Amino acid sequence: MTDFPGAKQLFTTVTNDGKLVLSIEPDTVKAPAEHEVVVQMEAVPINPSDLGLLTAPANMDTVRSENVDGHPALVADIDAAMQPFFGGRAGKKMAAGNEGAGTVVAAGASDAAQALMGKTVTIVGGEMYRTHRVMPAAMCVPLPEGAPAKEGASLFVNPMTAQGFINTMRDEGHEGLVHTAAASNLGQMLAKLCVKEGIPLVAIVRSDAQKKILTDLGVTHVLDSSTDSFMTDLIDALAETGATLGFDAIGGGKMASYILTAMEQAAAKRGAEFSVYGSTVNKQVYIYGRLDTGETILGGGLGLYWGVGGWLLTPHLEKVGMERMIEMRMFSVAERNGIFNSEYTSEISLADMIDPDIAKGYDKKATGEKVLVNPSL
């Protein structure tokens, strides 16, 4: 064991009696093995993907502070209708936090581990909401000398997803992209990347304020789904760009259907050959988020040459292979203050994560409100 008094970790538990518990508990940090290092965590974002473990089960109107098994905790009730969806977690204490950054404060004997001693590194691998994380040295990417941990906090999930969307587009032979919830942190990264690489992008948002965010980044086709002209505007934008691949963060409802229907009608405007089965233009929407947890509803008018599927970063990275993944990670670091820059509206401590009012705030998933956790505070 290594000597890090006061080391702590956040756990998330769905209890057998239908409650969500977020607790902060003492952590024993094991000594790093030969090829491992200990990273003192200084910057861990709260991403939408993290909220799946942190707050997704809970009725946030019921949050309160309690002491659970001798540890300070946030407790919230889980509505009866939601409990079956989280039954597999019942009684299991789980760690959370997909990515983060910090300083290497202990290292194993290998040259690779020792070379990281004292360096600020960006890491991924789960269990990041803690004061110290033991990691394989090979999984740590050093930031340039003098770069603060904050610059490395969000260099995996969103940057790698944005690059992964473009990998998928190219691998499947599409010419452009459609993206929903497009003013999000990820959406802004994707927009900047598409502008840089000259990739046609049709961005779908829900307000004028969100629209301005993307037009200011140079995106030509930014559509507000709340307007009466949305479908007409979408068909026109797809006809102009030729985009036949969509990535949908909403999931539930009819958005995937709207996109596929508009793609089919756009194909007609572009002069595609038709038959009784619809156009011969392949149309694909991947659902990668569930901002709407309801059913995905598909209507008519899609033709028969289309697909709706799920898209997940980890299987994508396994598919592209280690060499491409390393290229993507290095590009993320190089563009940490450019394409993949993340702005945070607040910085909180580990203890703040279980404050009921603060938890309600980071659970909102509001555009432009990204929270950074500094476990070293």
Protein backbone atom coordinates (compact mmCIF):
# COMPACT_ATOMS: atom_id res chain seq x y z
CA MET A 1 0.00 0.00 0.00
CA THR A 2 1.09 3.60 -0.58
CA ASP A 3 0.72 6.37 1.94
CA PHE A 4 -2.01 8.74 0.80
CA PRO A 5 -3.94 9.68 3.95
CA GLY A 6 -7.32 11.12 3.23
CA ALA A 7 -7.72 9.29 -0.09
CA LYS A 8 -11.40 9.05 -1.03
CA GLN A 9 -13.65 7.69 -3.74
CA LEU A 10 -17.24 8.23 -4.84
CA PHE A 11 -19.50 5.19 -5.22
CA THR A 12 -22.96 4.87 -6.77
CA THR A 13 -25.38 2.20 -5.60
CA VAL A 14 -28.93 1.23 -6.52
CA THR A 15 -30.34 -0.34 -3.36
CA ASN A 16 -32.67 -3.32 -3.20
CA ASP A 17 -35.39 -1.11 -1.72
CA GLY A 18 -35.43 1.30 -4.68
CA LYS A 19 -33.05 4.11 -3.80
CA LEU A 20 -30.00 5.64 -5.45
CA VAL A 21 -27.08 6.31 -3.13
CA LEU A 22 -24.01 8.37 -4.04
CA SER A 23 -21.52 7.99 -1.19
CA ILE A 24 -17.99 9.22 -0.56
CA GLU A 25 -15.84 6.68 1.24
CA PRO A 26 -12.20 6.29 2.32
CA ASP A 27 -9.97 4.68 -0.30
CA THR A 28 -6.85 2.57 0.18
CA VAL A 29 -4.43 3.27 -2.68
CA LYS A 30 -2.40 0.20 -3.62
CA ALA A 31 1.26 0.50 -4.47
CA PRO A 32 1.81 0.70 -8.23
CA ALA A 33 3.10 -2.43 -9.91
CA GLU A 34 6.16 -2.31 -12.18
CA HIS A 35 4.30 -0.82 -15.16
CA GLU A 36 1.77 1.28 -13.20
CA VAL A 37 1.55 4.80 -11.82
CA VAL A 38 -0.59 6.59 -9.24
CA VAL A 39 -2.33 9.68 -10.59
CA GLN A 40 -3.54 12.34 -8.18
CA MET A 41 -6.83 13.31 -9.82
CA GLU A 42 -7.23 17.05 -10.37
CA ALA A 43 -9.76 17.38 -13.21
CA VAL A 44 -12.67 15.01 -13.96
CA PRO A 45 -15.60 16.17 -16.10
CA ILE A 46 -19.22 15.21 -15.59
CA ASN A 47 -20.24 13.99 -19.04
CA PRO A 48 -23.75 12.89 -20.05
CA SER A 49 -22.35 9.36 -20.23
CA ASP A 50 -21.31 9.64 -16.56
CA LEU A 51 -24.81 10.61 -15.52
CA GLY A 52 -25.99 7.15 -16.55
CA LEU A 53 -24.34 5.86 -13.39
CA LEU A 54 -24.60 8.97 -11.26
CA THR A 55 -28.20 10.15 -11.51
CA ALA A 56 -30.09 8.42 -14.34
CA PRO A 57 -32.09 6.07 -12.06
CA ALA A 58 -33.18 8.78 -9.64
CA ASN A 59 -36.17 11.01 -9.21
CA MET A 60 -34.11 14.13 -8.61
CA ASP A 61 -37.03 15.87 -6.90
CA THR A 62 -36.43 13.52 -3.96
CA VAL A 63 -32.70 14.07 -3.40
CA ARG A 64 -31.52 14.59 0.17
CA SER A 65 -28.39 14.26 2.28
CA GLU A 66 -28.06 11.23 4.54
CA ASN A 67 -25.42 9.20 6.31
CA VAL A 68 -25.25 5.70 4.83
CA ASP A 69 -23.16 3.01 6.55
CA GLY A 70 -21.19 5.73 8.29
CA HIS A 71 -20.43 7.69 5.10
CA PRO A 72 -21.83 11.01 3.84
CA ALA A 73 -24.18 10.36 0.95
CA LEU A 74 -26.75 11.74 -1.44
CA VAL A 75 -29.92 9.65 -1.50
CA ALA A 76 -32.80 9.79 -3.98
CA ASP A 77 -35.83 7.61 -4.60
CA ILE A 78 -36.19 5.60 -7.81
CA ASP A 79 -39.69 5.71 -9.28
CA ALA A 80 -41.36 2.31 -9.36
CA ALA A 81 -41.69 2.42 -13.15
CA MET A 82 -37.91 2.91 -13.49
CA GLN A 83 -36.79 0.25 -11.04
CA PRO A 84 -36.96 -2.71 -13.49
CA PHE A 85 -34.53 -0.93 -15.84
CA PHE A 86 -31.88 -0.77 -13.12
CA GLY A 87 -32.53 -4.11 -11.45
CA GLY A 88 -29.21 -5.48 -12.66
CA ARG A 89 -27.43 -2.89 -10.52
CA ALA A 90 -29.39 -3.57 -7.34
CA GLY A 91 -27.13 -4.01 -4.36
CA LYS A 92 -23.93 -3.40 -6.34
CA LYS A 93 -21.61 -0.59 -5.25
CA MET A 94 -20.09 0.88 -8.44
CA ALA A 95 -17.35 3.41 -9.17
CA ALA A 96 -17.91 6.10 -11.82
CA GLY A 97 -16.13 8.71 -13.94
CA ASN A 98 -15.01 7.84 -17.46
CA GLU A 99 -12.02 10.14 -17.94
CA GLY A 100 -9.88 12.77 -16.30
CA ALA A 101 -6.43 14.19 -15.72
CA GLY A 102 -3.97 14.71 -12.91
CA THR A 103 -0.39 14.48 -11.72
CA VAL A 104 1.63 11.28 -11.42
CA VAL A 105 2.70 11.09 -7.76
CA ALA A 106 4.03 7.51 -7.57
CA ALA A 107 5.41 5.16 -10.19
CA GLY A 108 6.44 1.55 -10.59
CA ALA A 109 9.97 0.46 -11.40
CA SER A 110 9.70 0.24 -15.19
CA ASP A 111 11.28 2.92 -17.36
CA ALA A 112 7.89 3.81 -18.86
CA ALA A 113 6.35 4.34 -15.43
CA GLN A 114 9.31 6.27 -14.05
CA ALA A 115 9.32 8.55 -17.09
CA LEU A 116 5.85 9.78 -16.09
CA MET A 117 6.78 10.71 -12.52
CA GLY A 118 5.66 14.28 -11.79
CA LYS A 119 4.00 14.73 -15.19
CA THR A 120 0.44 15.85 -15.82
CA VAL A 121 -1.37 13.14 -17.76
CA THR A 122 -4.77 12.58 -19.34
CA ILE A 123 -6.32 9.18 -18.65
CA VAL A 124 -9.38 7.08 -19.35
CA GLY A 125 -10.61 3.84 -17.86
CA GLY A 126 -13.41 4.50 -15.40
CA GLU A 127 -13.43 5.04 -11.62
CA MET A 128 -12.15 8.63 -11.94
CA TYR A 129 -14.25 10.28 -9.22
CA ARG A 130 -11.61 9.67 -6.58
CA THR A 131 -8.56 11.42 -5.20
CA HIS A 132 -6.06 8.89 -6.61
CA ARG A 133 -6.24 6.46 -9.53
CA VAL A 134 -3.78 3.63 -10.20
CA MET A 135 -3.26 3.27 -13.95
CA PRO A 136 -1.08 1.32 -16.39
CA ALA A 137 1.63 3.68 -17.63
CA ALA A 138 0.72 2.80 -21.21
CA MET A 139 -2.77 4.27 -20.67
CA CYS A 140 -1.43 7.67 -19.58
CA VAL A 141 -0.88 10.36 -22.22
CA PRO A 142 1.34 13.21 -20.95
CA LEU A 143 0.24 16.76 -21.59
CA PRO A 144 2.84 19.26 -22.83
CA GLU A 145 5.07 20.76 -20.15
CA GLY A 146 3.24 23.39 -18.16
CA ALA A 147 -0.26 22.45 -19.36
CA PRO A 148 -2.70 22.32 -16.43
CA ALA A 149 -4.74 19.19 -15.70
CA LYS A 150 -7.92 21.05 -16.69
CA GLU A 151 -6.74 20.98 -20.34
CA GLY A 152 -6.57 17.19 -20.24
CA ALA A 153 -9.79 16.48 -18.40
CA SER A 154 -12.08 15.95 -21.40
CA LEU A 155 -9.74 14.62 -24.06
CA PHE A 156 -11.24 11.18 -24.52
CA VAL A 157 -15.01 10.74 -24.54
CA ASN A 158 -16.09 13.70 -26.68
CA PRO A 159 -12.98 14.17 -28.87
CA MET A 160 -12.74 10.46 -29.64
CA THR A 161 -16.49 10.30 -30.33
CA ALA A 162 -16.31 13.22 -32.76
CA GLN A 163 -13.42 11.59 -34.59
CA GLY A 164 -15.24 8.24 -34.44
CA PHE A 165 -18.30 9.71 -36.17
CA ILE A 166 -16.09 10.81 -39.05
CA ASN A 167 -14.32 7.43 -39.14
CA THR A 168 -17.74 5.78 -39.47
CA MET A 169 -18.84 8.22 -42.18
CA ARG A 170 -15.76 7.46 -44.27
CA ASP A 171 -15.79 3.72 -43.63
CA GLU A 172 -19.44 3.46 -44.74
CA GLY A 173 -19.06 5.68 -47.79
CA HIS A 174 -21.26 8.63 -46.77
CA GLU A 175 -20.59 12.20 -47.88
CA GLY A 176 -21.90 14.21 -44.93
CA LEU A 177 -23.39 14.08 -41.46
CA VAL A 178 -26.53 14.98 -39.55
CA HIS A 179 -26.15 15.58 -35.81
CA THR A 180 -28.83 16.21 -33.19
CA ALA A 181 -28.41 18.06 -29.88
CA ALA A 182 -25.70 19.67 -31.96
CA ALA A 183 -24.85 22.60 -29.67
CA SER A 184 -23.58 20.29 -26.92
CA ASN A 185 -19.92 20.17 -25.96
CA LEU A 186 -19.51 17.18 -28.28
CA GLY A 187 -21.57 18.89 -30.97
CA GLN A 188 -19.35 21.95 -30.96
CA MET A 189 -16.26 19.76 -31.27
CA LEU A 190 -17.79 17.87 -34.19
CA ALA A 191 -18.76 21.17 -35.83
CA LYS A 192 -15.24 22.54 -35.61
CA LEU A 193 -13.78 19.29 -36.92
CA CYS A 194 -16.21 19.20 -39.87
CA VAL A 195 -15.46 22.82 -40.74
CA LYS A 196 -11.72 22.13 -40.61
CA GLU A 197 -11.99 19.06 -42.84
CA GLY A 198 -14.63 20.41 -45.20
CA ILE A 199 -17.25 17.82 -44.25
CA PRO A 200 -20.89 18.82 -44.88
CA LEU A 201 -22.75 18.96 -41.57
CA VAL A 202 -26.45 19.42 -40.90
CA ALA A 203 -26.77 20.44 -37.25
CA ILE A 204 -30.10 20.16 -35.44
CA VAL A 205 -30.73 22.28 -32.33
CA ARG A 206 -33.71 23.53 -30.33
CA SER A 207 -33.32 27.31 -30.01
CA ASP A 208 -31.96 30.47 -31.61
CA ALA A 209 -29.27 30.69 -28.93
CA GLN A 210 -28.02 27.20 -29.76
CA LYS A 211 -28.21 28.01 -33.47
CA LYS A 212 -25.95 31.03 -32.97
CA ILE A 213 -23.33 28.92 -31.19
CA LEU A 214 -22.89 26.79 -34.30
CA THR A 215 -23.23 29.47 -36.95
CA ASP A 216 -20.49 31.38 -35.13
CA LEU A 217 -18.31 28.28 -35.58
CA GLY A 218 -18.89 28.40 -39.34
CA VAL A 219 -21.59 25.73 -39.75
CA THR A 220 -23.81 26.60 -42.72
CA HIS A 221 -26.80 24.33 -42.11
CA VAL A 222 -28.09 24.77 -38.55
CA LEU A 223 -31.77 23.91 -38.12
CA ASP A 224 -34.12 24.57 -35.20
CA SER A 225 -36.34 21.53 -34.67
CA SER A 226 -38.92 23.62 -32.81
CA THR A 227 -39.88 25.68 -35.90
CA ASP A 228 -42.82 24.95 -38.19
CA SER A 229 -40.50 24.84 -41.21
CA PHE A 230 -38.15 22.26 -39.71
CA MET A 231 -38.94 19.36 -42.05
CA THR A 232 -38.85 21.53 -45.16
CA ASP A 233 -35.57 23.07 -44.03
CA LEU A 234 -34.16 19.63 -43.23
CA ILE A 235 -35.04 18.22 -46.66
CA ASP A 236 -33.46 21.24 -48.36
CA ALA A 237 -30.28 20.99 -46.28
CA LEU A 238 -29.94 17.26 -46.95
CA ALA A 239 -30.54 17.78 -50.67
CA GLU A 240 -27.81 20.42 -50.75
CA THR A 241 -25.24 18.54 -48.66
CA GLY A 242 -25.96 14.95 -49.70
CA ALA A 243 -25.69 13.87 -46.05
CA THR A 244 -27.01 10.33 -45.60
CA LEU A 245 -25.63 9.48 -42.14
CA GLY A 246 -27.10 10.76 -38.89
CA PHE A 247 -25.95 10.58 -35.29
CA ASP A 248 -28.81 11.07 -32.84
CA ALA A 249 -28.27 11.93 -29.19
CA ILE A 250 -32.01 12.11 -28.47
CA GLY A 251 -32.90 8.44 -29.01
CA GLY A 252 -36.55 8.44 -28.04
CA GLY A 253 -39.41 9.90 -30.04
CA LYS A 254 -39.53 10.53 -33.78
CA MET A 255 -36.28 12.36 -34.54
CA ALA A 256 -34.59 9.37 -36.19
CA SER A 257 -37.71 8.92 -38.32
CA TYR A 258 -37.75 12.59 -39.30
CA ILE A 259 -34.13 12.37 -40.42
CA LEU A 260 -34.64 9.21 -42.49
CA THR A 261 -37.83 10.58 -44.06
CA ALA A 262 -36.06 13.82 -44.98
CA MET A 263 -33.13 11.86 -46.42
CA GLU A 264 -35.54 9.92 -48.63
CA GLN A 265 -37.20 13.08 -49.88
CA ALA A 266 -33.85 14.78 -50.35
CA ALA A 267 -32.74 11.83 -52.50
CA ALA A 268 -35.73 12.53 -54.76
CA LYS A 269 -34.77 16.19 -55.05
CA ARG A 270 -31.25 15.12 -56.03
CA GLY A 271 -32.66 12.91 -58.80
CA ALA A 272 -32.11 9.50 -57.25
CA GLU A 273 -33.57 6.51 -59.09
CA PHE A 274 -36.76 5.21 -57.49
CA SER A 275 -38.73 1.98 -57.45
CA VAL A 276 -41.74 0.72 -55.53
CA TYR A 277 -39.30 0.13 -52.65
CA GLY A 278 -38.20 3.76 -52.48
CA SER A 279 -34.83 5.21 -53.41
CA THR A 280 -31.67 3.19 -53.78
CA VAL A 281 -29.80 5.67 -51.59
CA ASN A 282 -28.58 4.08 -48.35
CA LYS A 283 -29.71 6.07 -45.32
CA GLN A 284 -28.44 5.39 -41.80
CA VAL A 285 -29.08 6.87 -38.36
CA TYR A 286 -27.07 5.80 -35.33
CA ILE A 287 -28.48 6.47 -31.86
CA TYR A 288 -25.67 7.18 -29.42
CA GLY A 289 -27.55 8.85 -26.56
CA ARG A 290 -30.89 8.78 -24.75
CA LEU A 291 -31.79 12.35 -23.91
CA ASP A 292 -35.32 11.08 -24.46
CA THR A 293 -35.67 7.73 -22.69
CA GLY A 294 -38.96 6.89 -24.42
CA GLU A 295 -39.52 4.59 -27.38
CA THR A 296 -37.88 5.25 -30.72
CA ILE A 297 -40.78 5.69 -33.16
CA LEU A 298 -40.35 5.11 -36.89
CA GLY A 299 -43.03 6.22 -39.33
CA GLY A 300 -43.64 5.58 -43.03
CA GLY A 301 -42.11 7.23 -46.05
CA LEU A 302 -38.59 5.96 -45.38
CA GLY A 303 -38.28 3.63 -48.35
CA LEU A 304 -36.70 0.28 -47.66
CA TYR A 305 -33.00 1.05 -47.90
CA TRP A 306 -32.20 2.42 -44.46
CA GLY A 307 -30.96 1.45 -41.05
CA VAL A 308 -31.25 2.51 -37.43
CA GLY A 309 -28.68 1.19 -35.01
CA GLY A 310 -26.72 1.97 -31.88
CA TRP A 311 -23.26 3.51 -31.82
CA LEU A 312 -20.87 3.13 -28.90
CA LEU A 313 -17.33 4.47 -28.65
CA THR A 314 -15.58 1.45 -27.13
CA PRO A 315 -16.58 -1.07 -29.83
CA HIS A 316 -15.72 1.52 -32.47
CA LEU A 317 -12.21 1.92 -31.09
CA GLU A 318 -11.78 -1.84 -31.00
CA LYS A 319 -12.82 -1.93 -34.65
CA VAL A 320 -10.43 0.77 -35.86
CA GLY A 321 -7.50 -0.77 -33.99
CA MET A 322 -4.71 0.42 -31.73
CA GLU A 323 -2.73 2.37 -34.33
CA ARG A 324 -5.70 4.52 -35.34
CA MET A 325 -6.76 4.94 -31.71
CA ILE A 326 -3.31 6.27 -30.78
CA GLU A 327 -3.48 8.70 -33.73
CA MET A 328 -6.85 9.92 -32.49
CA ARG A 329 -5.62 10.37 -28.93
CA MET A 330 -2.55 12.33 -30.00
CA PHE A 331 -4.70 14.55 -32.22
CA SER A 332 -6.97 15.16 -29.22
CA VAL A 333 -4.01 16.34 -27.13
CA ALA A 334 -2.68 18.52 -29.95
CA GLU A 335 -6.09 20.18 -30.36
CA ARG A 336 -6.90 20.43 -26.64
CA ASN A 337 -7.11 24.23 -26.82
CA GLY A 338 -8.54 24.30 -30.34
CA ILE A 339 -11.04 21.89 -31.86
CA PHE A 340 -11.38 19.91 -28.63
CA ASN A 341 -11.34 22.74 -26.14
CA SER A 342 -13.85 22.31 -23.29
CA GLU A 343 -15.24 25.23 -21.31
CA TYR A 344 -16.51 24.60 -17.79
CA THR A 345 -19.10 26.74 -16.07
CA SER A 346 -18.20 25.52 -12.59
CA GLU A 347 -15.54 23.56 -10.73
CA ILE A 348 -16.64 21.49 -7.75
CA SER A 349 -15.08 19.15 -5.21
CA LEU A 350 -15.75 15.48 -4.66
CA ALA A 351 -17.85 16.40 -1.62
CA ASP A 352 -19.88 18.83 -3.74
CA MET A 353 -20.99 15.94 -5.95
CA ILE A 354 -23.26 14.69 -3.16
CA ASP A 355 -24.72 18.10 -2.32
CA PRO A 356 -28.42 17.88 -3.33
CA ASP A 357 -28.60 21.35 -4.90
CA ILE A 358 -25.35 20.93 -6.83
CA ALA A 359 -26.41 17.46 -8.00
CA LYS A 360 -29.66 18.87 -9.39
CA GLY A 361 -27.57 21.37 -11.32
CA TYR A 362 -25.20 18.93 -12.99
CA ASP A 363 -28.05 16.52 -13.69
CA LYS A 364 -29.80 19.08 -15.97
CA LYS A 365 -27.53 18.33 -18.97
CA ALA A 366 -28.07 21.92 -20.08
CA THR A 367 -26.25 23.17 -23.17
CA GLY A 368 -23.27 25.31 -22.19
CA GLU A 369 -23.22 24.14 -18.58
CA LYS A 370 -20.37 21.67 -18.20
CA VAL A 371 -19.15 20.85 -14.69
CA LEU A 372 -15.59 19.92 -13.76
CA VAL A 373 -14.78 17.97 -10.60
CA ASN A 374 -11.45 18.56 -8.86
CA PRO A 375 -11.08 15.65 -6.40
CA SER A 376 -7.91 17.22 -4.95
CA LEU A 377 -9.90 20.13 -3.48
